[in-house]
Amino acid sequence: MVNAVSTTRTLAVALLWMLAVLAVAPPASARNYVVPGSEAAGLGACVEPTELMRRQHMEFIKHQRDRTVHSGIRTSKYSLAGCVECHIGHDVRGQAVPIDRADQFCGACHAYAAVDLNCFDCHAAVPRGPMAGPMAEAARRAVGEAHHGQGAGQP
């Protein structure tokens, strides 16, 4: 019995150590999820320094949500629509690819971190408007979202 408790403690400590190491230094394959050809690929930094964005982006998005929904203050610095517009990838025909797809910016990082990505249950995973193309419209129809106009930034 004592031996089982000791083994369990040792495994728990080892697991916590591995998680701490992964949080500090992710493997090379996980260090850059910026999609080639996206606007973000040509920029040196996001709206905040890269390391801060990697660790705090959800807090920024939640803060933006609260300011918008509860206070009616709509800004673009941390808006989900702004993230999509900057980090979106395109297929060979130049059509926007849903950002939550496993090989795209949000989807790839969230898959690596084993985090459920549910923002796009309500929000568009591709830009809106004339440049979005038929793939974007099909993606919105697939989740039951009707076309709401030409501007980005709409939920």
C-alpha atoms as a PDB file:
ATOM      1  CA  MET A   1       0.000   0.000   0.000  1.00  0.00           C
ATOM      2  CA  VAL A   2       2.807   2.414   0.948  1.00  0.00           C
ATOM      3  CA  ASN A   3       4.622   1.490  -2.254  1.00  0.00           C
ATOM      4  CA  ALA A   4       1.510   2.325  -4.365  1.00  0.00           C
ATOM      5  CA  VAL A   5       1.156   5.745  -2.706  1.00  0.00           C
ATOM      6  CA  SER A   6       4.840   6.468  -3.269  1.00  0.00           C
ATOM      7  CA  THR A   7       4.590   5.461  -6.932  1.00  0.00           C
ATOM      8  CA  THR A   8       1.493   7.612  -7.410  1.00  0.00           C
ATOM      9  CA  ARG A   9       3.241  10.631  -5.873  1.00  0.00           C
ATOM     10  CA  THR A  10       6.303  10.086  -8.056  1.00  0.00           C
ATOM     11  CA  LEU A  11       4.158   9.864 -11.198  1.00  0.00           C
ATOM     12  CA  ALA A  12       2.210  12.984 -10.210  1.00  0.00           C
ATOM     13  CA  VAL A  13       5.407  14.977  -9.631  1.00  0.00           C
ATOM     14  CA  ALA A  14       6.864  13.750 -12.941  1.00  0.00           C
ATOM     15  CA  LEU A  15       3.689  14.698 -14.798  1.00  0.00           C
ATOM     16  CA  LEU A  16       3.633  18.174 -13.261  1.00  0.00           C
ATOM     17  CA  TRP A  17       7.304  18.616 -14.154  1.00  0.00           C
ATOM     18  CA  MET A  18       6.650  17.642 -17.786  1.00  0.00           C
ATOM     19  CA  LEU A  19       3.705  20.037 -18.012  1.00  0.00           C
ATOM     20  CA  ALA A  20       5.831  22.857 -16.596  1.00  0.00           C
ATOM     21  CA  VAL A  21       8.594  22.188 -19.137  1.00  0.00           C
ATOM     22  CA  LEU A  22       6.093  22.152 -22.021  1.00  0.00           C
ATOM     23  CA  ALA A  23       4.546  25.419 -20.835  1.00  0.00           C
ATOM     24  CA  VAL A  24       7.932  27.141 -20.740  1.00  0.00           C
ATOM     25  CA  ALA A  25       9.467  25.694 -23.900  1.00  0.00           C
ATOM     26  CA  PRO A  26       7.065  24.155 -26.397  1.00  0.00           C
ATOM     27  CA  PRO A  27       8.610  21.918 -29.066  1.00  0.00           C
ATOM     28  CA  ALA A  28       9.821  23.562 -32.277  1.00  0.00           C
ATOM     29  CA  SER A  29       6.784  22.243 -34.170  1.00  0.00           C
ATOM     30  CA  ALA A  30       4.488  24.209 -31.862  1.00  0.00           C
ATOM     31  CA  ARG A  31       6.383  27.491 -31.757  1.00  0.00           C
ATOM     32  CA  ASN A  32       4.951  29.107 -34.867  1.00  0.00           C
ATOM     33  CA  TYR A  33       1.369  28.679 -35.922  1.00  0.00           C
ATOM     34  CA  VAL A  34       1.262  31.784 -38.089  1.00  0.00           C
ATOM     35  CA  VAL A  35      -0.081  30.622 -41.434  1.00  0.00           C
ATOM     36  CA  PRO A  36       2.162  31.502 -44.399  1.00  0.00           C
ATOM     37  CA  GLY A  37       0.468  34.040 -46.644  1.00  0.00           C
ATOM     38  CA  SER A  38      -1.651  35.517 -43.862  1.00  0.00           C
ATOM     39  CA  GLU A  39      -1.345  39.185 -42.955  1.00  0.00           C
ATOM     40  CA  ALA A  40       0.165  38.109 -39.622  1.00  0.00           C
ATOM     41  CA  ALA A  41       3.024  36.311 -41.399  1.00  0.00           C
ATOM     42  CA  GLY A  42       4.308  39.663 -42.630  1.00  0.00           C
ATOM     43  CA  LEU A  43       4.189  41.360 -39.233  1.00  0.00           C
ATOM     44  CA  GLY A  44       6.842  41.327 -36.525  1.00  0.00           C
ATOM     45  CA  ALA A  45       4.345  41.243 -33.661  1.00  0.00           C
ATOM     46  CA  CYS A  46       0.662  40.947 -32.877  1.00  0.00           C
ATOM     47  CA  VAL A  47      -1.293  43.625 -30.970  1.00  0.00           C
ATOM     48  CA  GLU A  48       0.907  42.686 -27.997  1.00  0.00           C
ATOM     49  CA  PRO A  49       4.324  40.966 -27.839  1.00  0.00           C
ATOM     50  CA  THR A  50       4.182  37.362 -29.065  1.00  0.00           C
ATOM     51  CA  GLU A  51       4.962  35.681 -25.732  1.00  0.00           C
ATOM     52  CA  LEU A  52       2.280  37.752 -23.967  1.00  0.00           C
ATOM     53  CA  MET A  53      -0.261  36.884 -26.661  1.00  0.00           C
ATOM     54  CA  ARG A  54       0.538  33.172 -26.399  1.00  0.00           C
ATOM     55  CA  ARG A  55      -0.139  33.143 -22.689  1.00  0.00           C
ATOM     56  CA  GLN A  56      -2.839  35.792 -22.259  1.00  0.00           C
ATOM     57  CA  HIS A  57      -4.826  35.943 -25.515  1.00  0.00           C
ATOM     58  CA  MET A  58      -7.911  34.394 -23.968  1.00  0.00           C
ATOM     59  CA  GLU A  59      -7.905  36.996 -21.196  1.00  0.00           C
ATOM     60  CA  PHE A  60      -7.706  39.748 -23.823  1.00  0.00           C
ATOM     61  CA  ILE A  61     -10.575  38.205 -25.786  1.00  0.00           C
ATOM     62  CA  LYS A  62     -12.737  37.763 -22.657  1.00  0.00           C
ATOM     63  CA  HIS A  63     -12.025  41.350 -21.565  1.00  0.00           C
ATOM     64  CA  GLN A  64     -12.998  42.587 -25.039  1.00  0.00           C
ATOM     65  CA  ARG A  65     -16.171  40.487 -24.890  1.00  0.00           C
ATOM     66  CA  ASP A  66     -17.132  41.908 -21.507  1.00  0.00           C
ATOM     67  CA  ARG A  67     -16.517  45.502 -22.610  1.00  0.00           C
ATOM     68  CA  THR A  68     -18.583  44.958 -25.751  1.00  0.00           C
ATOM     69  CA  VAL A  69     -21.472  42.956 -24.308  1.00  0.00           C
ATOM     70  CA  HIS A  70     -21.785  44.543 -20.877  1.00  0.00           C
ATOM     71  CA  SER A  71     -20.673  48.115 -21.559  1.00  0.00           C
ATOM     72  CA  GLY A  72     -21.410  48.572 -25.261  1.00  0.00           C
ATOM     73  CA  ILE A  73     -17.791  49.530 -25.940  1.00  0.00           C
ATOM     74  CA  ARG A  74     -16.697  48.053 -29.267  1.00  0.00           C
ATOM     75  CA  THR A  75     -13.021  48.452 -30.125  1.00  0.00           C
ATOM     76  CA  SER A  76     -10.866  46.468 -32.516  1.00  0.00           C
ATOM     77  CA  LYS A  77      -7.560  45.895 -30.693  1.00  0.00           C
ATOM     78  CA  TYR A  78      -8.535  42.507 -29.213  1.00  0.00           C
ATOM     79  CA  SER A  79     -11.585  41.751 -31.345  1.00  0.00           C
ATOM     80  CA  LEU A  80     -12.089  38.205 -32.572  1.00  0.00           C
ATOM     81  CA  ALA A  81     -12.910  39.580 -36.032  1.00  0.00           C
ATOM     82  CA  GLY A  82      -9.537  41.351 -36.053  1.00  0.00           C
ATOM     83  CA  CYS A  83      -7.769  38.108 -35.110  1.00  0.00           C
ATOM     84  CA  VAL A  84      -9.527  36.260 -37.922  1.00  0.00           C
ATOM     85  CA  GLU A  85      -8.777  38.954 -40.513  1.00  0.00           C
ATOM     86  CA  CYS A  86      -5.061  39.004 -39.655  1.00  0.00           C
ATOM     87  CA  HIS A  87      -4.412  35.286 -39.089  1.00  0.00           C
ATOM     88  CA  ILE A  88      -6.689  33.763 -41.752  1.00  0.00           C
ATOM     89  CA  GLY A  89      -5.127  31.500 -44.370  1.00  0.00           C
ATOM     90  CA  HIS A  90      -6.286  31.017 -47.945  1.00  0.00           C
ATOM     91  CA  ASP A  91      -6.587  28.003 -50.189  1.00  0.00           C
ATOM     92  CA  VAL A  92      -5.006  27.708 -53.668  1.00  0.00           C
ATOM     93  CA  ARG A  93      -7.933  29.617 -55.199  1.00  0.00           C
ATOM     94  CA  GLY A  94      -7.468  32.495 -52.728  1.00  0.00           C
ATOM     95  CA  GLN A  95     -10.583  31.640 -50.707  1.00  0.00           C
ATOM     96  CA  ALA A  96     -10.517  32.120 -46.939  1.00  0.00           C
ATOM     97  CA  VAL A  97     -10.069  28.877 -44.982  1.00  0.00           C
ATOM     98  CA  PRO A  98     -11.855  28.550 -41.615  1.00  0.00           C
ATOM     99  CA  ILE A  99      -9.339  29.582 -38.963  1.00  0.00           C
ATOM    100  CA  ASP A 100     -10.451  26.864 -36.570  1.00  0.00           C
ATOM    101  CA  ARG A 101      -9.485  24.086 -39.000  1.00  0.00           C
ATOM    102  CA  ALA A 102      -6.720  21.844 -37.607  1.00  0.00           C
ATOM    103  CA  ASP A 103      -4.091  23.185 -40.030  1.00  0.00           C
ATOM    104  CA  GLN A 104      -4.931  26.850 -39.446  1.00  0.00           C
ATOM    105  CA  PHE A 105      -3.836  29.384 -36.829  1.00  0.00           C
ATOM    106  CA  CYS A 106      -6.400  28.937 -34.047  1.00  0.00           C
ATOM    107  CA  GLY A 107      -7.156  25.284 -34.733  1.00  0.00           C
ATOM    108  CA  ALA A 108      -3.505  24.169 -34.782  1.00  0.00           C
ATOM    109  CA  CYS A 109      -2.540  25.878 -31.537  1.00  0.00           C
ATOM    110  CA  HIS A 110      -5.690  24.805 -29.709  1.00  0.00           C
ATOM    111  CA  ALA A 111      -5.201  21.208 -30.887  1.00  0.00           C
ATOM    112  CA  TYR A 112      -1.609  21.270 -29.608  1.00  0.00           C
ATOM    113  CA  ALA A 113      -2.726  22.663 -26.244  1.00  0.00           C
ATOM    114  CA  ALA A 114      -5.732  20.283 -26.089  1.00  0.00           C
ATOM    115  CA  VAL A 115      -8.064  23.226 -25.537  1.00  0.00           C
ATOM    116  CA  ASP A 116     -11.659  23.199 -26.754  1.00  0.00           C
ATOM    117  CA  LEU A 117     -12.161  25.880 -29.375  1.00  0.00           C
ATOM    118  CA  ASN A 118     -15.768  27.030 -29.141  1.00  0.00           C
ATOM    119  CA  CYS A 119     -15.524  30.717 -30.138  1.00  0.00           C
ATOM    120  CA  PHE A 120     -16.590  29.800 -33.647  1.00  0.00           C
ATOM    121  CA  ASP A 121     -19.783  28.147 -32.502  1.00  0.00           C
ATOM    122  CA  CYS A 122     -21.153  31.710 -32.533  1.00  0.00           C
ATOM    123  CA  HIS A 123     -18.517  33.782 -34.352  1.00  0.00           C
ATOM    124  CA  ALA A 124     -17.421  33.585 -37.991  1.00  0.00           C
ATOM    125  CA  ALA A 125     -14.300  31.494 -38.604  1.00  0.00           C
ATOM    126  CA  VAL A 126     -13.737  33.301 -41.920  1.00  0.00           C
ATOM    127  CA  PRO A 127     -13.982  36.988 -42.859  1.00  0.00           C
ATOM    128  CA  ARG A 128     -17.276  38.396 -44.078  1.00  0.00           C
ATOM    129  CA  GLY A 129     -17.863  40.502 -47.138  1.00  0.00           C
ATOM    130  CA  PRO A 130     -17.071  40.328 -50.814  1.00  0.00           C
ATOM    131  CA  MET A 131     -13.502  39.054 -50.306  1.00  0.00           C
ATOM    132  CA  ALA A 132     -14.641  36.125 -48.153  1.00  0.00           C
ATOM    133  CA  GLY A 133     -15.920  34.137 -51.124  1.00  0.00           C
ATOM    134  CA  PRO A 134     -18.322  31.208 -51.424  1.00  0.00           C
ATOM    135  CA  MET A 135     -16.337  28.963 -49.024  1.00  0.00           C
ATOM    136  CA  ALA A 136     -16.964  31.492 -46.247  1.00  0.00           C
ATOM    137  CA  GLU A 137     -20.662  31.601 -47.012  1.00  0.00           C
ATOM    138  CA  ALA A 138     -20.816  27.791 -47.082  1.00  0.00           C
ATOM    139  CA  ALA A 139     -19.013  27.602 -43.717  1.00  0.00           C
ATOM    140  CA  ARG A 140     -21.493  30.014 -42.141  1.00  0.00           C
ATOM    141  CA  ARG A 141     -24.455  28.127 -43.603  1.00  0.00           C
ATOM    142  CA  ALA A 142     -23.020  24.859 -42.248  1.00  0.00           C
ATOM    143  CA  VAL A 143     -23.210  26.190 -38.698  1.00  0.00           C
ATOM    144  CA  GLY A 144     -26.607  27.828 -39.252  1.00  0.00           C
ATOM    145  CA  GLU A 145     -25.317  31.375 -39.417  1.00  0.00           C
ATOM    146  CA  ALA A 146     -26.967  33.621 -41.989  1.00  0.00           C
ATOM    147  CA  HIS A 147     -25.023  36.337 -43.841  1.00  0.00           C
ATOM    148  CA  HIS A 148     -25.186  39.504 -41.729  1.00  0.00           C
ATOM    149  CA  GLY A 149     -23.760  42.105 -44.098  1.00  0.00           C
ATOM    150  CA  GLN A 150     -20.439  43.183 -45.522  1.00  0.00           C
ATOM    151  CA  GLY A 151     -18.501  44.403 -42.475  1.00  0.00           C
ATOM    152  CA  ALA A 152     -16.110  42.407 -40.378  1.00  0.00           C
ATOM    153  CA  GLY A 153     -16.458  42.616 -36.652  1.00  0.00           C
ATOM    154  CA  GLN A 154     -19.995  41.371 -36.491  1.00  0.00           C
ATOM    155  CA  PRO A 155     -20.595  38.409 -34.211  1.00  0.00           C
END
